[in-house]
Amino acid sequence: MISVKNILLIHAFIEMIGGMVLVFRPDLLLMLGDQQLETIVVAKLYGILALTFGGVSFMFYRMFQYNDTCKKVTLMIMFFHLMISFQMYAAFTQETVSSLGAFGLHLILAILFFGAYMIDINKFSSEQTR
């Protein structure tokens, strides 16, 4: 069954895998053709961020409860992925990235979080009133 807790686990693995890929193959993220050192550094930094974000998501998965903190974290992660998807689409249209893969992945994650949140929204509300 789809729930915020299960999406956090999926999110953790996707972020950690994506982070490891970007740390070791930063050329897969930014710029077409020749890449400058600064571009490689930024892509590696994003990989480190993704790896860390995956670890934090896994920690939230392990301690998940339907409380206000987890609700806010869920909404922030959803917003993060939505904004990254918009930025990656803009980067694609500006020919900074070569494919829509990052756009699609982040948009799918935002939609998964939104769907799971909407399914679990009443659970968050009922826990807050106690």
C-alpha atoms as a PDB file:
ATOM      1  CA  MET A   1       0.000   0.000   0.000  1.00  0.00           C
ATOM      2  CA  ILE A   2       1.223   3.480  -0.821  1.00  0.00           C
ATOM      3  CA  SER A   3       1.905   5.589   2.245  1.00  0.00           C
ATOM      4  CA  VAL A   4       4.160   8.475   3.122  1.00  0.00           C
ATOM      5  CA  LYS A   5       6.376   6.107   5.108  1.00  0.00           C
ATOM      6  CA  ASN A   6       6.831   3.762   2.116  1.00  0.00           C
ATOM      7  CA  ILE A   7       7.528   6.688  -0.223  1.00  0.00           C
ATOM      8  CA  LEU A   8      10.206   7.903   2.211  1.00  0.00           C
ATOM      9  CA  LEU A   9      11.925   4.523   1.915  1.00  0.00           C
ATOM     10  CA  ILE A  10      11.746   4.574  -1.887  1.00  0.00           C
ATOM     11  CA  HIS A  11      12.960   8.170  -1.839  1.00  0.00           C
ATOM     12  CA  ALA A  12      15.896   7.260   0.397  1.00  0.00           C
ATOM     13  CA  PHE A  13      17.117   4.555  -1.972  1.00  0.00           C
ATOM     14  CA  ILE A  14      16.649   6.687  -5.105  1.00  0.00           C
ATOM     15  CA  GLU A  15      18.532   9.606  -3.553  1.00  0.00           C
ATOM     16  CA  MET A  16      21.377   7.437  -2.264  1.00  0.00           C
ATOM     17  CA  ILE A  17      21.795   5.659  -5.605  1.00  0.00           C
ATOM     18  CA  GLY A  18      21.595   8.963  -7.490  1.00  0.00           C
ATOM     19  CA  GLY A  19      24.104  10.513  -5.113  1.00  0.00           C
ATOM     20  CA  MET A  20      26.614   7.710  -5.574  1.00  0.00           C
ATOM     21  CA  VAL A  21      26.250   7.912  -9.351  1.00  0.00           C
ATOM     22  CA  LEU A  22      26.866  11.667  -9.335  1.00  0.00           C
ATOM     23  CA  VAL A  23      29.853  11.435  -7.009  1.00  0.00           C
ATOM     24  CA  PHE A  24      31.557   8.930  -9.316  1.00  0.00           C
ATOM     25  CA  ARG A  25      30.138  10.130 -12.670  1.00  0.00           C
ATOM     26  CA  PRO A  26      29.380  13.857 -12.284  1.00  0.00           C
ATOM     27  CA  ASP A  27      29.569  14.284 -16.045  1.00  0.00           C
ATOM     28  CA  LEU A  28      26.143  12.657 -16.295  1.00  0.00           C
ATOM     29  CA  LEU A  29      24.353  15.671 -14.794  1.00  0.00           C
ATOM     30  CA  LEU A  30      25.417  19.016 -16.192  1.00  0.00           C
ATOM     31  CA  MET A  31      26.569  20.501 -19.462  1.00  0.00           C
ATOM     32  CA  LEU A  32      26.759  19.059 -22.903  1.00  0.00           C
ATOM     33  CA  GLY A  33      30.130  18.318 -24.427  1.00  0.00           C
ATOM     34  CA  ASP A  34      33.159  19.853 -22.740  1.00  0.00           C
ATOM     35  CA  GLN A  35      32.807  20.376 -19.031  1.00  0.00           C
ATOM     36  CA  GLN A  36      34.789  22.794 -16.964  1.00  0.00           C
ATOM     37  CA  LEU A  37      36.161  21.879 -13.565  1.00  0.00           C
ATOM     38  CA  GLU A  38      33.578  24.080 -11.816  1.00  0.00           C
ATOM     39  CA  THR A  39      30.743  22.162 -13.472  1.00  0.00           C
ATOM     40  CA  ILE A  40      32.165  18.839 -12.301  1.00  0.00           C
ATOM     41  CA  VAL A  41      32.536  20.202  -8.754  1.00  0.00           C
ATOM     42  CA  VAL A  42      28.914  21.424  -8.680  1.00  0.00           C
ATOM     43  CA  ALA A  43      27.653  18.062  -9.952  1.00  0.00           C
ATOM     44  CA  LYS A  44      29.711  16.218  -7.312  1.00  0.00           C
ATOM     45  CA  LEU A  45      28.391  18.546  -4.606  1.00  0.00           C
ATOM     46  CA  TYR A  46      24.839  17.779  -5.743  1.00  0.00           C
ATOM     47  CA  GLY A  47      25.729  14.081  -5.550  1.00  0.00           C
ATOM     48  CA  ILE A  48      26.926  14.503  -1.971  1.00  0.00           C
ATOM     49  CA  LEU A  49      23.717  16.398  -1.182  1.00  0.00           C
ATOM     50  CA  ALA A  50      21.596  13.635  -2.726  1.00  0.00           C
ATOM     51  CA  LEU A  51      23.468  10.956  -0.800  1.00  0.00           C
ATOM     52  CA  THR A  52      22.975  12.866   2.449  1.00  0.00           C
ATOM     53  CA  PHE A  53      19.324  13.613   1.635  1.00  0.00           C
ATOM     54  CA  GLY A  54      18.789   9.890   1.083  1.00  0.00           C
ATOM     55  CA  GLY A  55      20.296   9.119   4.481  1.00  0.00           C
ATOM     56  CA  VAL A  56      18.066  11.705   6.165  1.00  0.00           C
ATOM     57  CA  SER A  57      15.010  10.276   4.386  1.00  0.00           C
ATOM     58  CA  PHE A  58      15.941   6.809   5.607  1.00  0.00           C
ATOM     59  CA  MET A  59      16.205   8.124   9.169  1.00  0.00           C
ATOM     60  CA  PHE A  60      12.753   9.720   8.851  1.00  0.00           C
ATOM     61  CA  TYR A  61      11.410   6.458   7.440  1.00  0.00           C
ATOM     62  CA  ARG A  62      12.711   4.574  10.493  1.00  0.00           C
ATOM     63  CA  MET A  63      11.234   7.035  13.017  1.00  0.00           C
ATOM     64  CA  PHE A  64       8.126   7.997  11.035  1.00  0.00           C
ATOM     65  CA  GLN A  65       4.989   8.929  12.928  1.00  0.00           C
ATOM     66  CA  TYR A  66       1.910  10.827  11.811  1.00  0.00           C
ATOM     67  CA  ASN A  67       2.882  14.001  13.638  1.00  0.00           C
ATOM     68  CA  ASP A  68       3.348  17.613  12.657  1.00  0.00           C
ATOM     69  CA  THR A  69       7.116  17.305  12.159  1.00  0.00           C
ATOM     70  CA  CYS A  70       6.833  14.407   9.703  1.00  0.00           C
ATOM     71  CA  LYS A  71       4.005  16.208   7.913  1.00  0.00           C
ATOM     72  CA  LYS A  72       6.181  19.299   7.429  1.00  0.00           C
ATOM     73  CA  VAL A  73       9.170  17.236   6.311  1.00  0.00           C
ATOM     74  CA  THR A  74       6.969  15.412   3.782  1.00  0.00           C
ATOM     75  CA  LEU A  75       5.681  18.703   2.379  1.00  0.00           C
ATOM     76  CA  MET A  76       9.211  20.162   2.203  1.00  0.00           C
ATOM     77  CA  ILE A  77      10.523  17.118   0.321  1.00  0.00           C
ATOM     78  CA  MET A  78       7.576  17.322  -2.077  1.00  0.00           C
ATOM     79  CA  PHE A  79       8.239  21.029  -2.657  1.00  0.00           C
ATOM     80  CA  PHE A  80      11.977  20.383  -3.129  1.00  0.00           C
ATOM     81  CA  HIS A  81      11.349  17.818  -5.868  1.00  0.00           C
ATOM     82  CA  LEU A  82       8.778  20.000  -7.587  1.00  0.00           C
ATOM     83  CA  MET A  83      11.180  22.963  -7.680  1.00  0.00           C
ATOM     84  CA  ILE A  84      14.104  20.819  -8.850  1.00  0.00           C
ATOM     85  CA  SER A  85      11.947  19.370 -11.623  1.00  0.00           C
ATOM     86  CA  PHE A  86      11.066  22.889 -12.820  1.00  0.00           C
ATOM     87  CA  GLN A  87      14.735  23.890 -12.737  1.00  0.00           C
ATOM     88  CA  MET A  88      15.852  20.756 -14.590  1.00  0.00           C
ATOM     89  CA  TYR A  89      13.217  21.373 -17.269  1.00  0.00           C
ATOM     90  CA  ALA A  90      14.521  24.931 -17.661  1.00  0.00           C
ATOM     91  CA  ALA A  91      18.088  23.599 -17.875  1.00  0.00           C
ATOM     92  CA  PHE A  92      16.989  21.177 -20.602  1.00  0.00           C
ATOM     93  CA  THR A  93      15.294  23.890 -22.640  1.00  0.00           C
ATOM     94  CA  GLN A  94      18.452  26.023 -22.293  1.00  0.00           C
ATOM     95  CA  GLU A  95      20.492  23.036 -23.492  1.00  0.00           C
ATOM     96  CA  THR A  96      22.466  22.835 -20.252  1.00  0.00           C
ATOM     97  CA  VAL A  97      21.499  19.203 -19.672  1.00  0.00           C
ATOM     98  CA  SER A  98      21.188  16.642 -22.427  1.00  0.00           C
ATOM     99  CA  SER A  99      18.047  14.767 -21.341  1.00  0.00           C
ATOM    100  CA  LEU A 100      14.815  15.160 -19.426  1.00  0.00           C
ATOM    101  CA  GLY A 101      15.761  12.309 -17.070  1.00  0.00           C
ATOM    102  CA  ALA A 102      16.393  14.458 -13.980  1.00  0.00           C
ATOM    103  CA  PHE A 103      13.241  16.472 -14.678  1.00  0.00           C
ATOM    104  CA  GLY A 104      11.166  13.309 -14.952  1.00  0.00           C
ATOM    105  CA  LEU A 105      12.653  11.658 -11.877  1.00  0.00           C
ATOM    106  CA  HIS A 106      12.098  14.682  -9.642  1.00  0.00           C
ATOM    107  CA  LEU A 107       8.594  15.264 -10.998  1.00  0.00           C
ATOM    108  CA  ILE A 108       7.681  11.610 -10.375  1.00  0.00           C
ATOM    109  CA  LEU A 109       9.018  11.847  -6.810  1.00  0.00           C
ATOM    110  CA  ALA A 110       7.001  15.026  -6.202  1.00  0.00           C
ATOM    111  CA  ILE A 111       3.864  13.319  -7.538  1.00  0.00           C
ATOM    112  CA  LEU A 112       4.487  10.200  -5.429  1.00  0.00           C
ATOM    113  CA  PHE A 113       4.885  12.302  -2.299  1.00  0.00           C
ATOM    114  CA  PHE A 114       1.754  14.285  -3.176  1.00  0.00           C
ATOM    115  CA  GLY A 115      -0.291  11.141  -3.785  1.00  0.00           C
ATOM    116  CA  ALA A 116       0.896   9.447  -0.598  1.00  0.00           C
ATOM    117  CA  TYR A 117       0.307  12.644   1.376  1.00  0.00           C
ATOM    118  CA  MET A 118      -3.239  12.958   0.045  1.00  0.00           C
ATOM    119  CA  ILE A 119      -3.934   9.320   0.969  1.00  0.00           C
ATOM    120  CA  ASP A 120      -2.519   9.826   4.481  1.00  0.00           C
ATOM    121  CA  ILE A 121      -3.715  13.397   5.070  1.00  0.00           C
ATOM    122  CA  ASN A 122      -6.417  12.390   7.553  1.00  0.00           C
ATOM    123  CA  LYS A 123      -3.918  10.362   9.574  1.00  0.00           C
ATOM    124  CA  PHE A 124      -1.820  13.487  10.059  1.00  0.00           C
ATOM    125  CA  SER A 125      -4.872  15.494  11.107  1.00  0.00           C
ATOM    126  CA  SER A 126      -6.109  12.938  13.636  1.00  0.00           C
ATOM    127  CA  GLU A 127      -2.693  12.618  15.296  1.00  0.00           C
ATOM    128  CA  GLN A 128      -2.367  16.388  15.710  1.00  0.00           C
ATOM    129  CA  THR A 129      -5.546  16.672  17.767  1.00  0.00           C
ATOM    130  CA  ARG A 130      -4.364  14.273  20.477  1.00  0.00           C
END
